[in-house]
Amino acid sequence: MIKLFIRRWYDFAFVAGVCTIVFLSLSWNRIDAMVKIQLLSFMALCFHQFEEYHFPGGEPAIINRVFQHKNNIKGLEDRYPLNQFTAMLVNSIYTFILYFLPAFVPNLIWFGMMPIFLGFAQCILHGVVANKMLKTIYNPGLAACLLLHLPIGIYYMNYVISNQLATGWDWIIGFVYTIGAFLILLNWMTYKVLPNKDTKYPFEAKEMSRFDMNNRVKKLFGE
């Protein structure tokens, strides 16, 4: 079961997203607005990850062969610097801890800001940075950004500000917390601590080739 989760964590995330929709549909009128927003944000990330890694997929190749093009090693693109275990661990920490827990402490405003701030950052990353590097107008994850993260984030900001729920310290701590989580998990752990050339968990060929990444990389770098 553990091996299956490592290999298919993004499919488990998709199921978690569907379950969240069912739960919200059945209990919408009985739960606090801030809880709803945090659960919607959690759902958005679940579908975001599924879009990146399964359908249309291609994120492993986008990271290892495009974003980390200068650091990848010929023949190890399916495992270095990102591999299945690294992707599972970092994304699961974000999804099932940092995004899910705020729904249980809705009054801890700064704690719930990180999922929202990171959602906005994802919109920039996918909408501008990734499209520029891939020379596309769409990349896996962008649909979830525009259709879920962005409207949920805007609603959250409007709700918090209009109801005066956040103090100045909430905004400061929430922003610092977001930057810290990003630097530690998505930068330090992903690219400094966890890369392993001898990992037992390389990405499968189909995971590397989704979103027609083999042809896209050839066009970008002549590989």
C-alpha atoms as a PDB file:
ATOM      1  CA  MET A   1       0.000   0.000   0.000  1.00  0.00           C
ATOM      2  CA  ILE A   2       2.867   2.375   0.809  1.00  0.00           C
ATOM      3  CA  LYS A   3       4.528   1.679  -2.518  1.00  0.00           C
ATOM      4  CA  LEU A   4       1.207   2.255  -4.304  1.00  0.00           C
ATOM      5  CA  PHE A   5       0.793   5.615  -2.568  1.00  0.00           C
ATOM      6  CA  ILE A   6       4.325   6.674  -3.530  1.00  0.00           C
ATOM      7  CA  ARG A   7       3.609   5.757  -7.147  1.00  0.00           C
ATOM      8  CA  ARG A   8       0.068   7.133  -7.356  1.00  0.00           C
ATOM      9  CA  TRP A   9      -0.195   9.805  -4.677  1.00  0.00           C
ATOM     10  CA  TYR A  10      -1.739  12.272  -7.145  1.00  0.00           C
ATOM     11  CA  ASP A  11      -4.581   9.837  -7.856  1.00  0.00           C
ATOM     12  CA  PHE A  12      -5.218   9.581  -4.105  1.00  0.00           C
ATOM     13  CA  ALA A  13      -5.248  13.386  -4.027  1.00  0.00           C
ATOM     14  CA  PHE A  14      -7.867  13.412  -6.785  1.00  0.00           C
ATOM     15  CA  VAL A  15     -10.068  11.054  -4.752  1.00  0.00           C
ATOM     16  CA  ALA A  16      -9.581  13.290  -1.708  1.00  0.00           C
ATOM     17  CA  GLY A  17     -10.709  16.257  -3.807  1.00  0.00           C
ATOM     18  CA  VAL A  18     -13.858  14.440  -4.918  1.00  0.00           C
ATOM     19  CA  CYS A  19     -14.601  13.412  -1.324  1.00  0.00           C
ATOM     20  CA  THR A  20     -14.235  17.046  -0.287  1.00  0.00           C
ATOM     21  CA  ILE A  21     -16.820  18.092  -2.870  1.00  0.00           C
ATOM     22  CA  VAL A  22     -19.230  15.445  -1.576  1.00  0.00           C
ATOM     23  CA  PHE A  23     -18.682  16.543   2.031  1.00  0.00           C
ATOM     24  CA  LEU A  24     -19.203  20.222   1.215  1.00  0.00           C
ATOM     25  CA  SER A  25     -22.325  19.440  -0.790  1.00  0.00           C
ATOM     26  CA  LEU A  26     -23.868  17.568   2.143  1.00  0.00           C
ATOM     27  CA  SER A  27     -22.870  19.996   4.897  1.00  0.00           C
ATOM     28  CA  TRP A  28     -22.617  23.405   3.181  1.00  0.00           C
ATOM     29  CA  ASN A  29     -25.206  25.112   5.395  1.00  0.00           C
ATOM     30  CA  ARG A  30     -23.822  23.675   8.635  1.00  0.00           C
ATOM     31  CA  ILE A  31     -20.178  24.733   8.543  1.00  0.00           C
ATOM     32  CA  ASP A  32     -18.379  28.037   9.029  1.00  0.00           C
ATOM     33  CA  ALA A  33     -17.498  30.116   5.980  1.00  0.00           C
ATOM     34  CA  MET A  34     -13.769  30.020   6.755  1.00  0.00           C
ATOM     35  CA  VAL A  35     -13.887  26.238   6.991  1.00  0.00           C
ATOM     36  CA  LYS A  36     -15.594  26.119   3.590  1.00  0.00           C
ATOM     37  CA  ILE A  37     -12.907  28.306   2.045  1.00  0.00           C
ATOM     38  CA  GLN A  38     -10.058  26.231   3.461  1.00  0.00           C
ATOM     39  CA  LEU A  39     -11.660  22.984   2.286  1.00  0.00           C
ATOM     40  CA  LEU A  40     -12.209  24.491  -1.156  1.00  0.00           C
ATOM     41  CA  SER A  41      -8.551  25.512  -1.227  1.00  0.00           C
ATOM     42  CA  PHE A  42      -7.558  21.967  -0.223  1.00  0.00           C
ATOM     43  CA  MET A  43      -9.771  20.594  -3.003  1.00  0.00           C
ATOM     44  CA  ALA A  44      -8.190  22.982  -5.484  1.00  0.00           C
ATOM     45  CA  LEU A  45      -4.692  21.744  -4.683  1.00  0.00           C
ATOM     46  CA  CYS A  46      -5.809  18.106  -4.986  1.00  0.00           C
ATOM     47  CA  PHE A  47      -7.104  18.726  -8.502  1.00  0.00           C
ATOM     48  CA  HIS A  48      -4.103  20.917  -9.299  1.00  0.00           C
ATOM     49  CA  GLN A  49      -1.723  18.057  -8.532  1.00  0.00           C
ATOM     50  CA  PHE A  50      -3.796  15.588 -10.530  1.00  0.00           C
ATOM     51  CA  GLU A  51      -3.676  17.979 -13.480  1.00  0.00           C
ATOM     52  CA  GLU A  52       0.097  18.334 -13.146  1.00  0.00           C
ATOM     53  CA  TYR A  53       0.986  14.675 -12.769  1.00  0.00           C
ATOM     54  CA  HIS A  54      -1.810  12.619 -14.353  1.00  0.00           C
ATOM     55  CA  PHE A  55      -4.060  14.483 -16.777  1.00  0.00           C
ATOM     56  CA  PRO A  56      -2.715  15.974 -18.858  1.00  0.00           C
ATOM     57  CA  GLY A  57       0.369  15.400 -16.684  1.00  0.00           C
ATOM     58  CA  GLY A  58       3.981  15.933 -17.648  1.00  0.00           C
ATOM     59  CA  GLU A  59       5.119  17.806 -14.529  1.00  0.00           C
ATOM     60  CA  PRO A  60       8.065  15.433 -13.825  1.00  0.00           C
ATOM     61  CA  ALA A  61       9.538  16.217 -17.253  1.00  0.00           C
ATOM     62  CA  ILE A  62       8.679  19.907 -16.955  1.00  0.00           C
ATOM     63  CA  ILE A  63      10.658  20.124 -13.713  1.00  0.00           C
ATOM     64  CA  ASN A  64      13.582  17.821 -14.509  1.00  0.00           C
ATOM     65  CA  ARG A  65      14.012  18.531 -18.216  1.00  0.00           C
ATOM     66  CA  VAL A  66      12.921  22.183 -18.458  1.00  0.00           C
ATOM     67  CA  PHE A  67      12.985  24.004 -15.098  1.00  0.00           C
ATOM     68  CA  GLN A  68      16.118  22.123 -13.994  1.00  0.00           C
ATOM     69  CA  HIS A  69      17.609  21.745 -17.464  1.00  0.00           C
ATOM     70  CA  LYS A  70      21.038  23.030 -16.396  1.00  0.00           C
ATOM     71  CA  ASN A  71      21.153  20.675 -13.406  1.00  0.00           C
ATOM     72  CA  ASN A  72      19.791  17.464 -14.913  1.00  0.00           C
ATOM     73  CA  ILE A  73      22.055  14.574 -15.819  1.00  0.00           C
ATOM     74  CA  LYS A  74      21.765  12.784 -19.155  1.00  0.00           C
ATOM     75  CA  GLY A  75      20.060   9.447 -18.638  1.00  0.00           C
ATOM     76  CA  LEU A  76      18.782  10.361 -15.177  1.00  0.00           C
ATOM     77  CA  GLU A  77      16.034  12.767 -16.200  1.00  0.00           C
ATOM     78  CA  ASP A  78      13.425  10.362 -14.834  1.00  0.00           C
ATOM     79  CA  ARG A  79      14.824  10.600 -11.299  1.00  0.00           C
ATOM     80  CA  TYR A  80      17.008  13.661 -10.850  1.00  0.00           C
ATOM     81  CA  PRO A  81      16.608  16.057  -9.234  1.00  0.00           C
ATOM     82  CA  LEU A  82      12.904  15.183  -8.760  1.00  0.00           C
ATOM     83  CA  ASN A  83      11.790  11.577  -8.295  1.00  0.00           C
ATOM     84  CA  GLN A  84       8.507   9.918  -7.382  1.00  0.00           C
ATOM     85  CA  PHE A  85       9.302   9.739  -3.660  1.00  0.00           C
ATOM     86  CA  THR A  86      10.348  13.388  -3.502  1.00  0.00           C
ATOM     87  CA  ALA A  87       7.251  14.500  -5.390  1.00  0.00           C
ATOM     88  CA  MET A  88       5.013  12.389  -3.147  1.00  0.00           C
ATOM     89  CA  LEU A  89       6.569  13.571   0.115  1.00  0.00           C
ATOM     90  CA  VAL A  90       6.694  17.287  -0.588  1.00  0.00           C
ATOM     91  CA  ASN A  91       3.276  17.462  -2.221  1.00  0.00           C
ATOM     92  CA  SER A  92       1.660  15.300   0.478  1.00  0.00           C
ATOM     93  CA  ILE A  93       3.025  17.542   3.232  1.00  0.00           C
ATOM     94  CA  TYR A  94       1.569  20.546   1.469  1.00  0.00           C
ATOM     95  CA  THR A  95      -1.758  18.913   0.648  1.00  0.00           C
ATOM     96  CA  PHE A  96      -2.648  16.791   3.635  1.00  0.00           C
ATOM     97  CA  ILE A  97      -0.998  18.913   6.338  1.00  0.00           C
ATOM     98  CA  LEU A  98      -0.444  22.546   5.386  1.00  0.00           C
ATOM     99  CA  TYR A  99      -3.598  22.844   3.258  1.00  0.00           C
ATOM    100  CA  PHE A 100      -5.912  20.533   5.204  1.00  0.00           C
ATOM    101  CA  LEU A 101      -5.179  21.494   8.821  1.00  0.00           C
ATOM    102  CA  PRO A 102      -6.309  25.156   8.520  1.00  0.00           C
ATOM    103  CA  ALA A 103      -9.887  23.894   8.094  1.00  0.00           C
ATOM    104  CA  PHE A 104      -9.746  22.650  11.698  1.00  0.00           C
ATOM    105  CA  VAL A 105      -8.462  25.951  13.132  1.00  0.00           C
ATOM    106  CA  PRO A 106     -10.349  28.579  11.073  1.00  0.00           C
ATOM    107  CA  ASN A 107      -9.804  31.274  13.699  1.00  0.00           C
ATOM    108  CA  LEU A 108      -6.020  31.028  13.337  1.00  0.00           C
ATOM    109  CA  ILE A 109      -6.087  33.443  10.419  1.00  0.00           C
ATOM    110  CA  TRP A 110      -2.360  33.633   9.610  1.00  0.00           C
ATOM    111  CA  PHE A 111      -2.189  29.832   9.429  1.00  0.00           C
ATOM    112  CA  GLY A 112      -4.914  29.761   6.786  1.00  0.00           C
ATOM    113  CA  MET A 113      -3.318  32.473   4.676  1.00  0.00           C
ATOM    114  CA  MET A 114      -0.531  30.276   3.308  1.00  0.00           C
ATOM    115  CA  PRO A 115      -2.772  28.109   1.090  1.00  0.00           C
ATOM    116  CA  ILE A 116      -4.322  31.258  -0.350  1.00  0.00           C
ATOM    117  CA  PHE A 117      -1.032  33.099  -0.904  1.00  0.00           C
ATOM    118  CA  LEU A 118       0.536  30.010  -2.448  1.00  0.00           C
ATOM    119  CA  GLY A 119      -2.468  29.664  -4.740  1.00  0.00           C
ATOM    120  CA  PHE A 120      -1.829  33.181  -6.053  1.00  0.00           C
ATOM    121  CA  ALA A 121       1.865  32.333  -6.467  1.00  0.00           C
ATOM    122  CA  GLN A 122       0.896  29.224  -8.438  1.00  0.00           C
ATOM    123  CA  CYS A 123      -1.112  31.420 -10.794  1.00  0.00           C
ATOM    124  CA  ILE A 124       2.012  33.461 -11.536  1.00  0.00           C
ATOM    125  CA  LEU A 125       4.220  30.391 -11.804  1.00  0.00           C
ATOM    126  CA  HIS A 126       1.924  28.560 -14.210  1.00  0.00           C
ATOM    127  CA  GLY A 127       0.431  31.552 -15.970  1.00  0.00           C
ATOM    128  CA  VAL A 128       3.671  33.423 -16.636  1.00  0.00           C
ATOM    129  CA  VAL A 129       6.880  31.573 -15.725  1.00  0.00           C
ATOM    130  CA  ALA A 130       6.018  28.060 -16.946  1.00  0.00           C
ATOM    131  CA  ASN A 131       4.333  29.279 -20.119  1.00  0.00           C
ATOM    132  CA  LYS A 132       7.358  31.425 -20.940  1.00  0.00           C
ATOM    133  CA  MET A 133       9.806  28.565 -20.383  1.00  0.00           C
ATOM    134  CA  LEU A 134       7.687  26.041 -22.298  1.00  0.00           C
ATOM    135  CA  LYS A 135       6.652  28.588 -24.940  1.00  0.00           C
ATOM    136  CA  THR A 136       3.007  27.657 -24.495  1.00  0.00           C
ATOM    137  CA  ILE A 137      -0.226  29.355 -23.510  1.00  0.00           C
ATOM    138  CA  TYR A 138      -1.203  26.430 -21.283  1.00  0.00           C
ATOM    139  CA  ASN A 139       0.727  24.064 -19.022  1.00  0.00           C
ATOM    140  CA  PRO A 140      -0.508  21.375 -16.600  1.00  0.00           C
ATOM    141  CA  GLY A 141      -1.805  23.057 -13.461  1.00  0.00           C
ATOM    142  CA  LEU A 142      -2.893  26.308 -15.085  1.00  0.00           C
ATOM    143  CA  ALA A 143      -6.561  25.324 -15.345  1.00  0.00           C
ATOM    144  CA  ALA A 144      -6.757  24.632 -11.605  1.00  0.00           C
ATOM    145  CA  CYS A 145      -5.034  27.962 -10.960  1.00  0.00           C
ATOM    146  CA  LEU A 146      -7.434  30.039 -13.032  1.00  0.00           C
ATOM    147  CA  LEU A 147     -10.634  28.127 -12.280  1.00  0.00           C
ATOM    148  CA  LEU A 148     -10.041  27.271  -8.614  1.00  0.00           C
ATOM    149  CA  HIS A 149      -7.086  28.882  -6.822  1.00  0.00           C
ATOM    150  CA  LEU A 150      -7.680  32.380  -8.196  1.00  0.00           C
ATOM    151  CA  PRO A 151     -11.438  32.752  -7.501  1.00  0.00           C
ATOM    152  CA  ILE A 152     -11.154  30.993  -4.133  1.00  0.00           C
ATOM    153  CA  GLY A 153      -8.262  33.258  -3.183  1.00  0.00           C
ATOM    154  CA  ILE A 154     -10.105  36.407  -4.243  1.00  0.00           C
ATOM    155  CA  TYR A 155     -13.187  35.362  -2.260  1.00  0.00           C
ATOM    156  CA  TYR A 156     -11.017  34.608   0.786  1.00  0.00           C
ATOM    157  CA  MET A 157      -9.302  38.001   0.639  1.00  0.00           C
ATOM    158  CA  ASN A 158     -12.616  39.811   0.253  1.00  0.00           C
ATOM    159  CA  TYR A 159     -14.211  37.847   3.103  1.00  0.00           C
ATOM    160  CA  VAL A 160     -11.324  38.372   5.521  1.00  0.00           C
ATOM    161  CA  ILE A 161     -10.968  42.091   4.744  1.00  0.00           C
ATOM    162  CA  SER A 162     -14.685  42.923   4.693  1.00  0.00           C
ATOM    163  CA  ASN A 163     -15.233  41.132   8.010  1.00  0.00           C
ATOM    164  CA  GLN A 164     -12.041  42.565   9.538  1.00  0.00           C
ATOM    165  CA  LEU A 165     -10.836  39.120  10.578  1.00  0.00           C
ATOM    166  CA  ALA A 166      -7.106  39.743  10.167  1.00  0.00           C
ATOM    167  CA  THR A 167      -4.755  41.958  12.123  1.00  0.00           C
ATOM    168  CA  GLY A 168      -1.601  43.496  10.716  1.00  0.00           C
ATOM    169  CA  TRP A 169       0.391  40.747  12.405  1.00  0.00           C
ATOM    170  CA  ASP A 170      -1.770  38.085  10.717  1.00  0.00           C
ATOM    171  CA  TRP A 171      -0.794  39.445   7.301  1.00  0.00           C
ATOM    172  CA  ILE A 172       2.887  39.669   8.211  1.00  0.00           C
ATOM    173  CA  ILE A 173       3.109  36.241   9.836  1.00  0.00           C
ATOM    174  CA  GLY A 174       1.002  34.671   7.080  1.00  0.00           C
ATOM    175  CA  PHE A 175       3.292  36.078   4.398  1.00  0.00           C
ATOM    176  CA  VAL A 176       6.485  35.043   6.219  1.00  0.00           C
ATOM    177  CA  TYR A 177       5.025  31.586   6.866  1.00  0.00           C
ATOM    178  CA  THR A 178       4.214  31.210   3.162  1.00  0.00           C
ATOM    179  CA  ILE A 179       7.728  32.206   2.097  1.00  0.00           C
ATOM    180  CA  GLY A 180       9.239  29.881   4.691  1.00  0.00           C
ATOM    181  CA  ALA A 181       7.123  26.904   3.640  1.00  0.00           C
ATOM    182  CA  PHE A 182       7.996  27.551   0.012  1.00  0.00           C
ATOM    183  CA  LEU A 183      11.729  27.851   0.615  1.00  0.00           C
ATOM    184  CA  ILE A 184      11.933  24.840   2.933  1.00  0.00           C
ATOM    185  CA  LEU A 185       9.671  22.402   1.090  1.00  0.00           C
ATOM    186  CA  LEU A 186       9.667  23.428  -2.554  1.00  0.00           C
ATOM    187  CA  ASN A 187      13.262  24.582  -2.695  1.00  0.00           C
ATOM    188  CA  TRP A 188      15.527  23.215   0.031  1.00  0.00           C
ATOM    189  CA  MET A 189      13.954  19.765   0.454  1.00  0.00           C
ATOM    190  CA  THR A 190      13.090  19.236  -3.215  1.00  0.00           C
ATOM    191  CA  TYR A 191      16.375  20.338  -4.747  1.00  0.00           C
ATOM    192  CA  LYS A 192      18.945  20.155  -1.928  1.00  0.00           C
ATOM    193  CA  VAL A 193      18.038  17.408   0.547  1.00  0.00           C
ATOM    194  CA  LEU A 194      15.980  14.774  -1.251  1.00  0.00           C
ATOM    195  CA  PRO A 195      17.549  14.428  -4.744  1.00  0.00           C
ATOM    196  CA  ASN A 196      18.978  10.924  -5.094  1.00  0.00           C
ATOM    197  CA  LYS A 197      20.596   9.633  -8.272  1.00  0.00           C
ATOM    198  CA  ASP A 198      20.233   6.057  -7.007  1.00  0.00           C
ATOM    199  CA  THR A 199      16.601   6.318  -5.936  1.00  0.00           C
ATOM    200  CA  LYS A 200      14.344   3.271  -6.153  1.00  0.00           C
ATOM    201  CA  TYR A 201      11.532   5.530  -7.302  1.00  0.00           C
ATOM    202  CA  PRO A 202      12.222   6.948 -10.770  1.00  0.00           C
ATOM    203  CA  PHE A 203       9.243   8.284 -12.677  1.00  0.00           C
ATOM    204  CA  GLU A 204       7.680   5.865 -15.135  1.00  0.00           C
ATOM    205  CA  ALA A 205       8.140   6.490 -18.861  1.00  0.00           C
ATOM    206  CA  LYS A 206       4.471   7.383 -19.263  1.00  0.00           C
ATOM    207  CA  GLU A 207       4.748   9.974 -16.484  1.00  0.00           C
ATOM    208  CA  MET A 208       7.696  11.601 -18.220  1.00  0.00           C
ATOM    209  CA  SER A 209       6.039  11.656 -21.645  1.00  0.00           C
ATOM    210  CA  ARG A 210       2.627  13.058 -20.756  1.00  0.00           C
ATOM    211  CA  PHE A 211       1.687  16.448 -22.237  1.00  0.00           C
ATOM    212  CA  ASP A 212       3.824  15.434 -25.228  1.00  0.00           C
ATOM    213  CA  MET A 213       6.912  16.416 -23.238  1.00  0.00           C
ATOM    214  CA  ASN A 214       9.375  14.379 -25.314  1.00  0.00           C
ATOM    215  CA  ASN A 215       8.591  16.418 -28.414  1.00  0.00           C
ATOM    216  CA  ARG A 216       8.351  19.685 -26.467  1.00  0.00           C
ATOM    217  CA  VAL A 217      11.826  19.194 -24.984  1.00  0.00           C
ATOM    218  CA  LYS A 218      13.240  18.416 -28.421  1.00  0.00           C
ATOM    219  CA  LYS A 219      11.817  21.643 -29.780  1.00  0.00           C
ATOM    220  CA  LEU A 220      13.106  23.656 -26.810  1.00  0.00           C
ATOM    221  CA  PHE A 221      16.597  22.228 -26.483  1.00  0.00           C
ATOM    222  CA  GLY A 222      17.144  20.045 -29.532  1.00  0.00           C
ATOM    223  CA  GLU A 223      17.414  16.895 -27.395  1.00  0.00           C
END
